[in-house]
PDB file of N, CA and C in Angstrom:
ATOM      1  N   UNK A   1       4.543 -88.855 102.173  1.00  0.00           N
ATOM      2  CA  UNK A   1       5.553 -88.641 101.209  1.00  0.00           C
ATOM      3  C   UNK A   1       7.004 -88.123 101.691  1.00  0.00           C
ATOM      4  N   UNK A   2       7.777 -88.220 100.508  1.00  0.00           N
ATOM      5  CA  UNK A   2       9.683 -88.610 100.995  1.00  0.00           C
ATOM      6  C   UNK A   2       9.390 -87.371 101.193  1.00  0.00           C
ATOM      7  N   UNK A   3       8.906 -86.137 100.448  1.00  0.00           N
ATOM      8  CA  UNK A   3       9.103 -84.798 101.264  1.00  0.00           C
ATOM      9  C   UNK A   3       9.271 -84.666 102.801  1.00  0.00           C
ATOM     10  N   UNK A   4       8.346 -85.235 102.877  1.00  0.00           N
ATOM     11  CA  UNK A   4       8.025 -85.067 104.344  1.00  0.00           C
ATOM     12  C   UNK A   4       9.308 -85.620 105.220  1.00  0.00           C
ATOM     13  N   UNK A   5       9.175 -86.721 104.539  1.00  0.00           N
ATOM     14  CA  UNK A   5      10.324 -87.665 105.359  1.00  0.00           C
ATOM     15  C   UNK A   5      11.644 -87.269 105.956  1.00  0.00           C
ATOM     16  N   UNK A   6      12.022 -86.250 104.558  1.00  0.00           N
ATOM     17  CA  UNK A   6      13.206 -85.874 104.100  1.00  0.00           C
ATOM     18  C   UNK A   6      13.692 -84.961 105.055  1.00  0.00           C
ATOM     19  N   UNK A   7      12.086 -83.765 105.351  1.00  0.00           N
ATOM     20  CA  UNK A   7      12.364 -82.377 106.296  1.00  0.00           C
ATOM     21  C   UNK A   7      11.753 -83.230 107.512  1.00  0.00           C
ATOM     22  N   UNK A   8      11.354 -84.538 107.977  1.00  0.00           N
ATOM     23  CA  UNK A   8      11.521 -84.326 109.334  1.00  0.00           C
ATOM     24  C   UNK A   8      13.611 -85.034 109.909  1.00  0.00           C
ATOM     25  N   UNK A   9      14.332 -85.518 108.321  1.00  0.00           N
ATOM     26  CA  UNK A   9      15.599 -85.997 109.274  1.00  0.00           C
ATOM     27  C   UNK A   9      16.631 -84.039 109.072  1.00  0.00           C
ATOM     28  N   UNK A  10      15.642 -83.183 108.773  1.00  0.00           N
ATOM     29  CA  UNK A  10      16.995 -81.629 108.451  1.00  0.00           C
ATOM     30  C   UNK A  10      15.821 -81.111 109.486  1.00  0.00           C
ATOM     31  N   UNK A  11      17.039 -80.519 110.528  1.00  0.00           N
ATOM     32  CA  UNK A  11      16.555 -79.343 111.558  1.00  0.00           C
ATOM     33  C   UNK A  11      16.153 -78.228 111.299  1.00  0.00           C
ATOM     34  N   UNK A  12      15.004 -77.980 111.334  1.00  0.00           N
ATOM     35  CA  UNK A  12      13.998 -76.519 110.831  1.00  0.00           C
ATOM     36  C   UNK A  12      14.394 -75.550 110.950  1.00  0.00           C
ATOM     37  N   UNK A  13      15.311 -75.604 111.523  1.00  0.00           N
ATOM     38  CA  UNK A  13      16.253 -74.670 111.581  1.00  0.00           C
ATOM     39  C   UNK A  13      17.455 -74.018 110.529  1.00  0.00           C
ATOM     40  N   UNK A  14      17.267 -74.853 109.327  1.00  0.00           N
ATOM     41  CA  UNK A  14      18.256 -75.002 108.886  1.00  0.00           C
ATOM     42  C   UNK A  14      17.611 -74.918 107.317  1.00  0.00           C
ATOM     43  N   UNK A  15      18.122 -73.934 106.377  1.00  0.00           N
ATOM     44  CA  UNK A  15      17.371 -73.556 105.048  1.00  0.00           C
ATOM     45  C   UNK A  15      16.813 -74.800 104.106  1.00  0.00           C
ATOM     46  N   UNK A  16      15.601 -75.253 103.509  1.00  0.00           N
ATOM     47  CA  UNK A  16      15.389 -76.093 102.905  1.00  0.00           C
ATOM     48  C   UNK A  16      16.326 -76.128 101.568  1.00  0.00           C
ATOM     49  N   UNK A  17      16.571 -76.915 100.605  1.00  0.00           N
ATOM     50  CA  UNK A  17      17.183 -76.919  99.516  1.00  0.00           C
ATOM     51  C   UNK A  17      16.301 -76.465  98.647  1.00  0.00           C
ATOM     52  N   UNK A  18      15.272 -77.177  99.057  1.00  0.00           N
ATOM     53  CA  UNK A  18      14.031 -76.945  97.819  1.00  0.00           C
ATOM     54  C   UNK A  18      13.643 -74.962  97.413  1.00  0.00           C
ATOM     55  N   UNK A  19      14.033 -74.284  99.013  1.00  0.00           N
ATOM     56  CA  UNK A  19      14.052 -73.244  98.256  1.00  0.00           C
ATOM     57  C   UNK A  19      15.115 -72.161  98.323  1.00  0.00           C
ATOM     58  N   UNK A  20      16.210 -72.924  97.999  1.00  0.00           N
ATOM     59  CA  UNK A  20      17.716 -71.996  97.677  1.00  0.00           C
ATOM     60  C   UNK A  20      17.757 -72.232  95.968  1.00  0.00           C
ATOM     61  N   UNK A  21      18.273 -71.238  95.383  1.00  0.00           N
ATOM     62  CA  UNK A  21      18.220 -71.289  93.449  1.00  0.00           C
ATOM     63  C   UNK A  21      18.676 -72.591  93.150  1.00  0.00           C
ATOM     64  N   UNK A  22      18.260 -72.975  92.248  1.00  0.00           N
ATOM     65  CA  UNK A  22      18.554 -74.008  91.546  1.00  0.00           C
ATOM     66  C   UNK A  22      19.596 -73.744  90.696  1.00  0.00           C
ATOM     67  N   UNK A  23      20.398 -74.511  90.179  1.00  0.00           N
ATOM     68  CA  UNK A  23      21.834 -73.915  89.184  1.00  0.00           C
ATOM     69  C   UNK A  23      21.208 -73.552  87.707  1.00  0.00           C
ATOM     70  N   UNK A  24      20.358 -74.113  87.530  1.00  0.00           N
ATOM     71  CA  UNK A  24      19.719 -74.371  85.728  1.00  0.00           C
ATOM     72  C   UNK A  24      18.936 -72.349  86.157  1.00  0.00           C
ATOM     73  N   UNK A  25      18.857 -71.633  87.164  1.00  0.00           N
ATOM     74  CA  UNK A  25      18.831 -70.562  87.168  1.00  0.00           C
ATOM     75  C   UNK A  25      19.674 -69.149  86.848  1.00  0.00           C
ATOM     76  N   UNK A  26      20.915 -70.197  87.220  1.00  0.00           N
ATOM     77  CA  UNK A  26      22.200 -68.694  87.226  1.00  0.00           C
ATOM     78  C   UNK A  26      23.060 -69.138  86.036  1.00  0.00           C
ATOM     79  N   UNK A  27      23.709 -68.040  85.683  1.00  0.00           N
ATOM     80  CA  UNK A  27      24.317 -67.804  84.179  1.00  0.00           C
ATOM     81  C   UNK A  27      25.109 -68.896  84.701  1.00  0.00           C
ATOM     82  N   UNK A  28      25.040 -69.838  82.619  1.00  0.00           N
ATOM     83  CA  UNK A  28      26.174 -70.738  82.484  1.00  0.00           C
ATOM     84  C   UNK A  28      27.622 -69.808  82.210  1.00  0.00           C
ATOM     85  N   UNK A  29      28.208 -71.281  82.236  1.00  0.00           N
ATOM     86  CA  UNK A  29      30.246 -70.746  82.280  1.00  0.00           C
ATOM     87  C   UNK A  29      30.315 -70.091  81.160  1.00  0.00           C
ATOM     88  N   UNK A  30      29.329 -70.776  79.909  1.00  0.00           N
ATOM     89  CA  UNK A  30      29.532 -70.697  78.817  1.00  0.00           C
ATOM     90  C   UNK A  30      29.289 -69.629  78.412  1.00  0.00           C
ATOM     91  N   UNK A  31      28.126 -68.710  79.369  1.00  0.00           N
ATOM     92  CA  UNK A  31      27.340 -67.476  78.612  1.00  0.00           C
ATOM     93  C   UNK A  31      28.331 -66.348  78.984  1.00  0.00           C
ATOM     94  N   UNK A  32      29.163 -66.688  80.417  1.00  0.00           N
ATOM     95  CA  UNK A  32      29.687 -65.941  80.825  1.00  0.00           C
ATOM     96  C   UNK A  32      31.404 -65.379  80.000  1.00  0.00           C
ATOM     97  N   UNK A  33      32.345 -64.389  80.178  1.00  0.00           N
ATOM     98  CA  UNK A  33      33.283 -63.702  79.434  1.00  0.00           C
ATOM     99  C   UNK A  33      34.552 -64.542  79.462  1.00  0.00           C
ATOM    100  N   UNK A  34      34.913 -64.909  78.649  1.00  0.00           N
ATOM    101  CA  UNK A  34      36.002 -65.568  78.332  1.00  0.00           C
ATOM    102  C   UNK A  34      37.688 -64.931  78.866  1.00  0.00           C
ATOM    103  N   UNK A  35      37.959 -65.728  80.008  1.00  0.00           N
ATOM    104  CA  UNK A  35      39.494 -65.124  80.699  1.00  0.00           C
ATOM    105  C   UNK A  35      40.420 -64.292  79.284  1.00  0.00           C
ATOM    106  N   UNK A  36      40.253 -65.102  78.220  1.00  0.00           N
ATOM    107  CA  UNK A  36      40.906 -64.463  77.177  1.00  0.00           C
ATOM    108  C   UNK A  36      40.109 -62.544  77.538  1.00  0.00           C
ATOM    109  N   UNK A  37      39.543 -62.366  76.724  1.00  0.00           N
ATOM    110  CA  UNK A  37      38.401 -60.912  76.632  1.00  0.00           C
ATOM    111  C   UNK A  37      38.802 -60.361  78.362  1.00  0.00           C
ATOM    112  N   UNK A  38      39.399 -60.529  79.408  1.00  0.00           N
ATOM    113  CA  UNK A  38      40.485 -60.138  80.162  1.00  0.00           C
ATOM    114  C   UNK A  38      41.065 -59.139  80.274  1.00  0.00           C
ATOM    115  N   UNK A  39      41.494 -58.168  80.770  1.00  0.00           N
ATOM    116  CA  UNK A  39      42.523 -57.622  80.234  1.00  0.00           C
ATOM    117  C   UNK A  39      43.049 -56.684  79.294  1.00  0.00           C
TER     118      UNK A  39
END
């Protein structure tokens, strides 16, 4: 599998990207307060 080949190229001591939170799970900039709302 391609995943197996990828893992073999990355040191096991480093966290796998697949285990990191995906950008889609993070709040979208459009949902954040606009700079004009501060102050």
